[in-house]
Amino acid sequence: MVGRRPQPQIRTRLLDACTDHALAHGLPDRLEPFVSATGTSARMLLYHFGTRDALLRAVLEQARERQLDLFTDVLRARPGEPYATTLFRAWRTISGADGQPYLRMFGRTPETPVHERWPGFARQATTDWLQPLSDGLATLERPGLATLVLAGIRGLLLDLAATGDRDRVDRAFADLVGLLDPPTERRSGGDTLAGCRHDVHLADGA
């Protein structure tokens, strides 16, 4: 292949296809699934990415970028919307069909292959979500609860994965969000939280 230069647009197309496959079917430990997904050859994949490990790392990085775009968007505060409503909507996305491919790939425990290929990922996977949560909770004057809310979300995701008990876990998440209501609103009967839950259920078609 004398004189051939790497073509970024081809590399991008191949990486998109490999990432789509990995999110749908899991990260493979060999090139053949990626060969089938891209319709190219192992030789061409290695030409564009250098090694199998470099391709796998590129797939992980792109999948993480997609996850960050999705999860950060659903966690951001929206003008005129109570942040409790935002959190309910985010929970439905993160724990539902849109979020599951990322939860499967990046795992809920540090034993997944991602942590072997991406040193420091466990820490990054935690700190990435603290800022958007803190910014959102600041609208409730409770930015310091970001760590607690994140720990609650992660724990509930583990519970849901282990038990599949959606109703119970959703109720637990509602209880967690209920703790964010200002004390005066909790004393008044929790109308703010109830309204948020009702609004999100309507938006979800429930």
C-alpha atoms as a PDB file:
ATOM      1  CA  MET A   1       0.000   0.000   0.000  1.00  0.00           C
ATOM      2  CA  VAL A   2       2.761   2.410  -1.061  1.00  0.00           C
ATOM      3  CA  GLY A   3       1.735   6.045  -0.901  1.00  0.00           C
ATOM      4  CA  ARG A   4      -1.536   5.383   0.951  1.00  0.00           C
ATOM      5  CA  ARG A   5      -2.269   7.823   3.718  1.00  0.00           C
ATOM      6  CA  PRO A   6      -4.683   7.310   6.608  1.00  0.00           C
ATOM      7  CA  GLN A   7      -8.121   8.674   5.791  1.00  0.00           C
ATOM      8  CA  PRO A   8      -9.788  10.118   8.922  1.00  0.00           C
ATOM      9  CA  GLN A   9     -13.295   9.828   7.508  1.00  0.00           C
ATOM     10  CA  ILE A  10     -12.872   6.088   6.950  1.00  0.00           C
ATOM     11  CA  ARG A  11     -11.451   5.642  10.446  1.00  0.00           C
ATOM     12  CA  THR A  12     -14.402   7.559  11.887  1.00  0.00           C
ATOM     13  CA  ARG A  13     -16.898   5.417   9.984  1.00  0.00           C
ATOM     14  CA  LEU A  14     -15.212   2.216  11.134  1.00  0.00           C
ATOM     15  CA  LEU A  15     -15.061   3.414  14.728  1.00  0.00           C
ATOM     16  CA  ASP A  16     -18.751   4.362  14.692  1.00  0.00           C
ATOM     17  CA  ALA A  17     -19.691   0.894  13.447  1.00  0.00           C
ATOM     18  CA  CYS A  18     -17.452  -0.861  15.969  1.00  0.00           C
ATOM     19  CA  THR A  19     -18.855   1.241  18.811  1.00  0.00           C
ATOM     20  CA  ASP A  20     -22.439   0.548  17.736  1.00  0.00           C
ATOM     21  CA  HIS A  21     -21.660  -3.181  17.742  1.00  0.00           C
ATOM     22  CA  ALA A  22     -19.954  -3.106  21.138  1.00  0.00           C
ATOM     23  CA  LEU A  23     -22.831  -1.230  22.745  1.00  0.00           C
ATOM     24  CA  ALA A  24     -25.349  -3.666  21.316  1.00  0.00           C
ATOM     25  CA  HIS A  25     -23.450  -6.908  21.898  1.00  0.00           C
ATOM     26  CA  GLY A  26     -20.654  -6.227  24.350  1.00  0.00           C
ATOM     27  CA  LEU A  27     -16.950  -5.554  23.920  1.00  0.00           C
ATOM     28  CA  PRO A  28     -15.425  -8.493  22.019  1.00  0.00           C
ATOM     29  CA  ASP A  29     -12.046 -10.029  22.822  1.00  0.00           C
ATOM     30  CA  ARG A  30     -11.176 -10.588  19.165  1.00  0.00           C
ATOM     31  CA  LEU A  31     -11.464  -8.693  15.884  1.00  0.00           C
ATOM     32  CA  GLU A  32     -13.891 -10.959  14.015  1.00  0.00           C
ATOM     33  CA  PRO A  33     -17.098  -9.378  15.393  1.00  0.00           C
ATOM     34  CA  PHE A  34     -15.817  -5.955  14.388  1.00  0.00           C
ATOM     35  CA  VAL A  35     -14.905  -7.272  10.942  1.00  0.00           C
ATOM     36  CA  SER A  36     -18.501  -8.441  10.478  1.00  0.00           C
ATOM     37  CA  ALA A  37     -19.938  -5.210  11.858  1.00  0.00           C
ATOM     38  CA  THR A  38     -17.863  -2.984   9.579  1.00  0.00           C
ATOM     39  CA  GLY A  39     -17.865  -5.133   6.432  1.00  0.00           C
ATOM     40  CA  THR A  40     -14.120  -4.715   6.143  1.00  0.00           C
ATOM     41  CA  SER A  41     -11.124  -6.900   6.965  1.00  0.00           C
ATOM     42  CA  ALA A  42      -9.008  -7.351  10.061  1.00  0.00           C
ATOM     43  CA  ARG A  43      -6.062  -6.037   8.060  1.00  0.00           C
ATOM     44  CA  MET A  44      -7.879  -2.757   7.358  1.00  0.00           C
ATOM     45  CA  LEU A  45      -8.927  -2.355  10.972  1.00  0.00           C
ATOM     46  CA  LEU A  46      -5.333  -2.779  12.074  1.00  0.00           C
ATOM     47  CA  TYR A  47      -4.196  -0.358   9.362  1.00  0.00           C
ATOM     48  CA  HIS A  48      -6.445   2.375  10.758  1.00  0.00           C
ATOM     49  CA  PHE A  49      -6.048   1.631  14.484  1.00  0.00           C
ATOM     50  CA  GLY A  50      -2.627  -0.020  14.777  1.00  0.00           C
ATOM     51  CA  THR A  51      -3.431  -2.841  17.182  1.00  0.00           C
ATOM     52  CA  ARG A  52      -6.458  -4.667  18.513  1.00  0.00           C
ATOM     53  CA  ASP A  53      -5.963  -3.099  21.944  1.00  0.00           C
ATOM     54  CA  ALA A  54      -5.798   0.372  20.412  1.00  0.00           C
ATOM     55  CA  LEU A  55      -9.080  -0.286  18.588  1.00  0.00           C
ATOM     56  CA  LEU A  56     -10.747  -1.539  21.769  1.00  0.00           C
ATOM     57  CA  ARG A  57      -9.573   1.522  23.688  1.00  0.00           C
ATOM     58  CA  ALA A  58     -10.869   3.801  20.913  1.00  0.00           C
ATOM     59  CA  VAL A  59     -14.244   2.034  21.057  1.00  0.00           C
ATOM     60  CA  LEU A  60     -14.389   2.477  24.836  1.00  0.00           C
ATOM     61  CA  GLU A  61     -13.514   6.151  24.556  1.00  0.00           C
ATOM     62  CA  GLN A  62     -16.150   6.843  21.927  1.00  0.00           C
ATOM     63  CA  ALA A  63     -18.801   4.905  23.842  1.00  0.00           C
ATOM     64  CA  ARG A  64     -17.903   6.916  26.927  1.00  0.00           C
ATOM     65  CA  GLU A  65     -18.270  10.166  24.989  1.00  0.00           C
ATOM     66  CA  ARG A  66     -21.749   9.099  23.892  1.00  0.00           C
ATOM     67  CA  GLN A  67     -22.669   8.173  27.454  1.00  0.00           C
ATOM     68  CA  LEU A  68     -21.404  11.489  28.783  1.00  0.00           C
ATOM     69  CA  ASP A  69     -23.418  13.384  26.172  1.00  0.00           C
ATOM     70  CA  LEU A  70     -26.616  11.476  27.033  1.00  0.00           C
ATOM     71  CA  PHE A  71     -26.340  11.328  30.816  1.00  0.00           C
ATOM     72  CA  THR A  72     -25.009  14.873  31.244  1.00  0.00           C
ATOM     73  CA  ASP A  73     -27.864  16.201  29.142  1.00  0.00           C
ATOM     74  CA  VAL A  74     -30.567  14.457  31.178  1.00  0.00           C
ATOM     75  CA  LEU A  75     -28.956  15.520  34.473  1.00  0.00           C
ATOM     76  CA  ARG A  76     -28.580  19.211  33.618  1.00  0.00           C
ATOM     77  CA  ALA A  77     -30.919  21.711  35.226  1.00  0.00           C
ATOM     78  CA  ARG A  78     -33.572  23.141  32.905  1.00  0.00           C
ATOM     79  CA  PRO A  79     -35.032  26.626  33.276  1.00  0.00           C
ATOM     80  CA  GLY A  80     -38.509  26.487  34.741  1.00  0.00           C
ATOM     81  CA  GLU A  81     -38.376  22.771  35.603  1.00  0.00           C
ATOM     82  CA  PRO A  82     -38.027  21.639  39.244  1.00  0.00           C
ATOM     83  CA  TYR A  83     -34.825  19.654  39.586  1.00  0.00           C
ATOM     84  CA  ALA A  84     -36.753  16.816  41.211  1.00  0.00           C
ATOM     85  CA  THR A  85     -38.635  16.431  37.916  1.00  0.00           C
ATOM     86  CA  THR A  86     -35.325  16.490  36.056  1.00  0.00           C
ATOM     87  CA  LEU A  87     -33.967  13.722  38.289  1.00  0.00           C
ATOM     88  CA  PHE A  88     -37.013  11.504  37.743  1.00  0.00           C
ATOM     89  CA  ARG A  89     -36.671  11.925  33.985  1.00  0.00           C
ATOM     90  CA  ALA A  90     -32.919  11.248  34.188  1.00  0.00           C
ATOM     91  CA  TRP A  91     -33.525   8.082  36.213  1.00  0.00           C
ATOM     92  CA  ARG A  92     -35.925   6.734  33.600  1.00  0.00           C
ATOM     93  CA  THR A  93     -33.322   7.343  30.896  1.00  0.00           C
ATOM     94  CA  ILE A  94     -30.275   6.082  32.776  1.00  0.00           C
ATOM     95  CA  SER A  95     -31.959   2.948  34.144  1.00  0.00           C
ATOM     96  CA  GLY A  96     -34.070   2.325  31.033  1.00  0.00           C
ATOM     97  CA  ALA A  97     -33.442   1.120  27.502  1.00  0.00           C
ATOM     98  CA  ASP A  98     -31.382   4.155  26.470  1.00  0.00           C
ATOM     99  CA  GLY A  99     -28.971   3.775  29.355  1.00  0.00           C
ATOM    100  CA  GLN A 100     -28.626  -0.001  29.508  1.00  0.00           C
ATOM    101  CA  PRO A 101     -26.004  -0.388  26.727  1.00  0.00           C
ATOM    102  CA  TYR A 102     -23.663   1.943  28.610  1.00  0.00           C
ATOM    103  CA  LEU A 103     -24.307   0.298  31.969  1.00  0.00           C
ATOM    104  CA  ARG A 104     -23.531  -3.107  30.435  1.00  0.00           C
ATOM    105  CA  MET A 105     -20.357  -1.893  28.768  1.00  0.00           C
ATOM    106  CA  PHE A 106     -18.883   0.095  31.610  1.00  0.00           C
ATOM    107  CA  GLY A 107     -20.183  -2.198  34.293  1.00  0.00           C
ATOM    108  CA  ARG A 108     -21.526  -1.615  37.729  1.00  0.00           C
ATOM    109  CA  THR A 109     -18.529  -3.236  39.438  1.00  0.00           C
ATOM    110  CA  PRO A 110     -14.737  -2.758  39.049  1.00  0.00           C
ATOM    111  CA  GLU A 111     -14.270  -6.286  37.715  1.00  0.00           C
ATOM    112  CA  THR A 112     -15.356  -5.482  34.143  1.00  0.00           C
ATOM    113  CA  PRO A 113     -12.790  -5.595  31.288  1.00  0.00           C
ATOM    114  CA  VAL A 114     -13.087  -1.819  30.912  1.00  0.00           C
ATOM    115  CA  HIS A 115     -11.168  -1.276  34.124  1.00  0.00           C
ATOM    116  CA  GLU A 116      -8.324  -3.459  32.848  1.00  0.00           C
ATOM    117  CA  ARG A 117      -8.012  -1.489  29.602  1.00  0.00           C
ATOM    118  CA  TRP A 118      -8.590   1.957  31.093  1.00  0.00           C
ATOM    119  CA  PRO A 119      -6.520   2.582  34.250  1.00  0.00           C
ATOM    120  CA  GLY A 120      -8.146   5.208  36.426  1.00  0.00           C
ATOM    121  CA  PHE A 121     -11.556   4.667  34.879  1.00  0.00           C
ATOM    122  CA  ALA A 122     -13.251   3.824  38.189  1.00  0.00           C
ATOM    123  CA  ARG A 123     -12.392   7.225  39.631  1.00  0.00           C
ATOM    124  CA  GLN A 124     -13.290   9.069  36.435  1.00  0.00           C
ATOM    125  CA  ALA A 125     -16.586   7.196  36.165  1.00  0.00           C
ATOM    126  CA  THR A 126     -17.523   8.620  39.556  1.00  0.00           C
ATOM    127  CA  THR A 127     -16.273  12.192  39.282  1.00  0.00           C
ATOM    128  CA  ASP A 128     -17.741  12.741  35.797  1.00  0.00           C
ATOM    129  CA  TRP A 129     -21.266  12.927  37.236  1.00  0.00           C
ATOM    130  CA  LEU A 130     -20.604  15.023  40.327  1.00  0.00           C
ATOM    131  CA  GLN A 131     -20.492  18.398  38.566  1.00  0.00           C
ATOM    132  CA  PRO A 132     -23.782  18.153  36.636  1.00  0.00           C
ATOM    133  CA  LEU A 133     -25.493  16.823  39.763  1.00  0.00           C
ATOM    134  CA  SER A 134     -23.999  19.566  41.897  1.00  0.00           C
ATOM    135  CA  ASP A 135     -25.074  22.225  39.407  1.00  0.00           C
ATOM    136  CA  GLY A 136     -28.601  20.855  39.337  1.00  0.00           C
ATOM    137  CA  LEU A 137     -28.851  20.473  43.091  1.00  0.00           C
ATOM    138  CA  ALA A 138     -27.653  24.054  43.456  1.00  0.00           C
ATOM    139  CA  THR A 139     -31.082  25.093  42.172  1.00  0.00           C
ATOM    140  CA  LEU A 140     -32.422  23.500  45.375  1.00  0.00           C
ATOM    141  CA  GLU A 141     -29.625  25.124  47.389  1.00  0.00           C
ATOM    142  CA  ARG A 142     -28.223  21.649  48.060  1.00  0.00           C
ATOM    143  CA  PRO A 143     -25.135  21.194  45.855  1.00  0.00           C
ATOM    144  CA  GLY A 144     -23.366  19.395  48.693  1.00  0.00           C
ATOM    145  CA  LEU A 145     -25.700  16.419  48.308  1.00  0.00           C
ATOM    146  CA  ALA A 146     -24.279  15.491  44.882  1.00  0.00           C
ATOM    147  CA  THR A 147     -22.130  12.671  46.300  1.00  0.00           C
ATOM    148  CA  LEU A 148     -25.053  11.238  48.273  1.00  0.00           C
ATOM    149  CA  VAL A 149     -27.414  11.349  45.293  1.00  0.00           C
ATOM    150  CA  LEU A 150     -24.800   9.800  42.991  1.00  0.00           C
ATOM    151  CA  ALA A 151     -24.122   7.005  45.488  1.00  0.00           C
ATOM    152  CA  GLY A 152     -27.862   6.389  45.729  1.00  0.00           C
ATOM    153  CA  ILE A 153     -28.282   6.202  41.967  1.00  0.00           C
ATOM    154  CA  ARG A 154     -25.354   3.809  41.574  1.00  0.00           C
ATOM    155  CA  GLY A 155     -26.586   1.598  44.390  1.00  0.00           C
ATOM    156  CA  LEU A 156     -30.091   1.457  42.955  1.00  0.00           C
ATOM    157  CA  LEU A 157     -28.711   0.542  39.532  1.00  0.00           C
ATOM    158  CA  LEU A 158     -26.870  -2.372  41.151  1.00  0.00           C
ATOM    159  CA  ASP A 159     -30.079  -3.421  42.880  1.00  0.00           C
ATOM    160  CA  LEU A 160     -32.094  -3.221  39.658  1.00  0.00           C
ATOM    161  CA  ALA A 161     -29.502  -5.249  37.752  1.00  0.00           C
ATOM    162  CA  ALA A 162     -29.425  -7.931  40.437  1.00  0.00           C
ATOM    163  CA  THR A 163     -33.157  -8.242  41.143  1.00  0.00           C
ATOM    164  CA  GLY A 164     -35.030  -6.797  38.171  1.00  0.00           C
ATOM    165  CA  ASP A 165     -37.553  -5.418  40.676  1.00  0.00           C
ATOM    166  CA  ARG A 166     -38.382  -2.197  38.823  1.00  0.00           C
ATOM    167  CA  ASP A 167     -41.331  -1.127  40.995  1.00  0.00           C
ATOM    168  CA  ARG A 168     -39.460  -1.465  44.281  1.00  0.00           C
ATOM    169  CA  VAL A 169     -36.326   0.254  42.979  1.00  0.00           C
ATOM    170  CA  ASP A 170     -38.351   3.090  41.428  1.00  0.00           C
ATOM    171  CA  ARG A 171     -40.069   3.636  44.768  1.00  0.00           C
ATOM    172  CA  ALA A 172     -36.685   3.765  46.479  1.00  0.00           C
ATOM    173  CA  PHE A 173     -35.493   6.339  43.975  1.00  0.00           C
ATOM    174  CA  ALA A 174     -38.611   8.419  44.680  1.00  0.00           C
ATOM    175  CA  ASP A 175     -37.782   8.232  48.393  1.00  0.00           C
ATOM    176  CA  LEU A 176     -34.243   9.419  47.647  1.00  0.00           C
ATOM    177  CA  VAL A 177     -35.473  12.379  45.620  1.00  0.00           C
ATOM    178  CA  GLY A 178     -37.995  13.134  48.354  1.00  0.00           C
ATOM    179  CA  LEU A 179     -35.105  13.864  50.700  1.00  0.00           C
ATOM    180  CA  LEU A 180     -34.176  16.795  48.476  1.00  0.00           C
ATOM    181  CA  ASP A 181     -37.394  18.715  49.115  1.00  0.00           C
ATOM    182  CA  PRO A 182     -36.764  21.724  51.358  1.00  0.00           C
ATOM    183  CA  PRO A 183     -37.972  20.999  54.929  1.00  0.00           C
ATOM    184  CA  THR A 184     -40.813  23.513  54.589  1.00  0.00           C
ATOM    185  CA  GLU A 185     -42.176  21.703  51.526  1.00  0.00           C
ATOM    186  CA  ARG A 186     -41.879  18.293  53.232  1.00  0.00           C
ATOM    187  CA  ARG A 187     -43.871  19.629  56.177  1.00  0.00           C
ATOM    188  CA  SER A 188     -46.543  20.915  53.806  1.00  0.00           C
ATOM    189  CA  GLY A 189     -47.249  17.403  52.563  1.00  0.00           C
ATOM    190  CA  GLY A 190     -44.749  16.803  49.760  1.00  0.00           C
ATOM    191  CA  ASP A 191     -46.930  18.265  46.976  1.00  0.00           C
ATOM    192  CA  THR A 192     -43.822  19.272  45.008  1.00  0.00           C
ATOM    193  CA  LEU A 193     -42.476  15.721  44.875  1.00  0.00           C
ATOM    194  CA  ALA A 194     -45.859  14.194  44.071  1.00  0.00           C
ATOM    195  CA  GLY A 195     -46.345  16.632  41.232  1.00  0.00           C
ATOM    196  CA  CYS A 196     -42.904  15.855  39.822  1.00  0.00           C
ATOM    197  CA  ARG A 197     -43.603  12.116  39.844  1.00  0.00           C
ATOM    198  CA  HIS A 198     -46.974  12.654  38.163  1.00  0.00           C
ATOM    199  CA  ASP A 199     -45.476  14.886  35.453  1.00  0.00           C
ATOM    200  CA  VAL A 200     -42.719  12.409  34.606  1.00  0.00           C
ATOM    201  CA  HIS A 201     -45.100   9.453  34.469  1.00  0.00           C
ATOM    202  CA  LEU A 202     -47.269  11.371  32.004  1.00  0.00           C
ATOM    203  CA  ALA A 203     -44.228  12.228  29.908  1.00  0.00           C
ATOM    204  CA  ASP A 204     -43.196   8.570  29.868  1.00  0.00           C
ATOM    205  CA  GLY A 205     -46.654   7.518  28.722  1.00  0.00           C
ATOM    206  CA  ALA A 206     -47.380   5.671  31.954  1.00  0.00           C
END
